[in-house]
Amino acid sequence: MRWGAIALEAVLGGGFLIVKAVDGDLDWISLLAPGVVFPLSVAVLLLTPSAARWFDR
């Protein structure tokens, strides 16, 4: 379940970037948009050892 959540967050963040790139609006400021930062931060937090222990319960 944890790896599924990590994959979902990667798809959400990557999908936002793909849409921005296709529209031609991709720049450095759009990399700091909540649509990229939030899924990336959630994926990083899910990769921590404490999250692994929580999911192994």
C-alpha atoms as a PDB file:
ATOM      1  CA  MET A   1       0.000   0.000   0.000  1.00  0.00           C
ATOM      2  CA  ARG A   2       2.874   2.370   0.782  1.00  0.00           C
ATOM      3  CA  TRP A   3       4.491   1.859  -2.623  1.00  0.00           C
ATOM      4  CA  GLY A   4       1.135   2.440  -4.290  1.00  0.00           C
ATOM      5  CA  ALA A   5       0.797   5.758  -2.482  1.00  0.00           C
ATOM      6  CA  ILE A   6       4.334   6.733  -3.516  1.00  0.00           C
ATOM      7  CA  ALA A   7       3.553   5.838  -7.129  1.00  0.00           C
ATOM      8  CA  LEU A   8       0.317   7.835  -7.009  1.00  0.00           C
ATOM      9  CA  GLU A   9       2.117  10.914  -5.715  1.00  0.00           C
ATOM     10  CA  ALA A  10       4.775  10.555  -8.426  1.00  0.00           C
ATOM     11  CA  VAL A  11       2.081  10.333 -11.097  1.00  0.00           C
ATOM     12  CA  LEU A  12       0.269  13.383  -9.719  1.00  0.00           C
ATOM     13  CA  GLY A  13       3.423  15.492  -9.623  1.00  0.00           C
ATOM     14  CA  GLY A  14       4.647  14.215 -12.987  1.00  0.00           C
ATOM     15  CA  GLY A  15       1.247  14.733 -14.567  1.00  0.00           C
ATOM     16  CA  PHE A  16       1.228  18.354 -13.469  1.00  0.00           C
ATOM     17  CA  LEU A  17       4.656  18.861 -15.041  1.00  0.00           C
ATOM     18  CA  ILE A  18       3.617  17.116 -18.275  1.00  0.00           C
ATOM     19  CA  VAL A  19       0.532  19.313 -18.611  1.00  0.00           C
ATOM     20  CA  LYS A  20       2.646  22.424 -18.035  1.00  0.00           C
ATOM     21  CA  ALA A  21       5.223  21.269 -20.606  1.00  0.00           C
ATOM     22  CA  VAL A  22       2.585  20.494 -23.243  1.00  0.00           C
ATOM     23  CA  ASP A  23       0.914  23.872 -22.722  1.00  0.00           C
ATOM     24  CA  GLY A  24       4.286  25.598 -23.044  1.00  0.00           C
ATOM     25  CA  ASP A  25       4.026  27.143 -19.576  1.00  0.00           C
ATOM     26  CA  LEU A  26       6.883  25.191 -18.004  1.00  0.00           C
ATOM     27  CA  ASP A  27       9.373  27.460 -16.267  1.00  0.00           C
ATOM     28  CA  TRP A  28      11.312  27.494 -12.993  1.00  0.00           C
ATOM     29  CA  ILE A  29       8.481  29.141 -11.095  1.00  0.00           C
ATOM     30  CA  SER A  30       6.035  26.381 -12.063  1.00  0.00           C
ATOM     31  CA  LEU A  31       8.378  23.844 -10.441  1.00  0.00           C
ATOM     32  CA  LEU A  32       7.588  25.518  -7.112  1.00  0.00           C
ATOM     33  CA  ALA A  33       3.822  25.283  -7.632  1.00  0.00           C
ATOM     34  CA  PRO A  34       1.805  23.332  -5.054  1.00  0.00           C
ATOM     35  CA  GLY A  35       0.952  20.773  -7.736  1.00  0.00           C
ATOM     36  CA  VAL A  36       4.607  19.725  -7.789  1.00  0.00           C
ATOM     37  CA  VAL A  37       5.873  20.509  -4.292  1.00  0.00           C
ATOM     38  CA  PHE A  38       3.072  18.829  -2.352  1.00  0.00           C
ATOM     39  CA  PRO A  39       3.158  15.425  -4.116  1.00  0.00           C
ATOM     40  CA  LEU A  40       6.960  15.421  -4.003  1.00  0.00           C
ATOM     41  CA  SER A  41       7.019  16.175  -0.278  1.00  0.00           C
ATOM     42  CA  VAL A  42       4.437  13.465   0.441  1.00  0.00           C
ATOM     43  CA  ALA A  43       6.442  10.926  -1.575  1.00  0.00           C
ATOM     44  CA  VAL A  44       9.627  11.833   0.309  1.00  0.00           C
ATOM     45  CA  LEU A  45       7.852  11.499   3.651  1.00  0.00           C
ATOM     46  CA  LEU A  46       6.476   8.105   2.629  1.00  0.00           C
ATOM     47  CA  LEU A  47      10.026   6.943   1.914  1.00  0.00           C
ATOM     48  CA  THR A  48      11.212   7.594   5.475  1.00  0.00           C
ATOM     49  CA  PRO A  49      11.851   4.656   7.848  1.00  0.00           C
ATOM     50  CA  SER A  50       9.166   5.841  10.255  1.00  0.00           C
ATOM     51  CA  ALA A  51       6.550   5.628   7.489  1.00  0.00           C
ATOM     52  CA  ALA A  52       7.754   2.113   6.670  1.00  0.00           C
ATOM     53  CA  ARG A  53       7.261   1.074  10.311  1.00  0.00           C
ATOM     54  CA  TRP A  54       3.791   2.623  10.342  1.00  0.00           C
ATOM     55  CA  PHE A  55       2.735   0.718   7.207  1.00  0.00           C
ATOM     56  CA  ASP A  56       4.223  -2.554   8.530  1.00  0.00           C
ATOM     57  CA  ARG A  57       1.867  -2.620  11.510  1.00  0.00           C
END
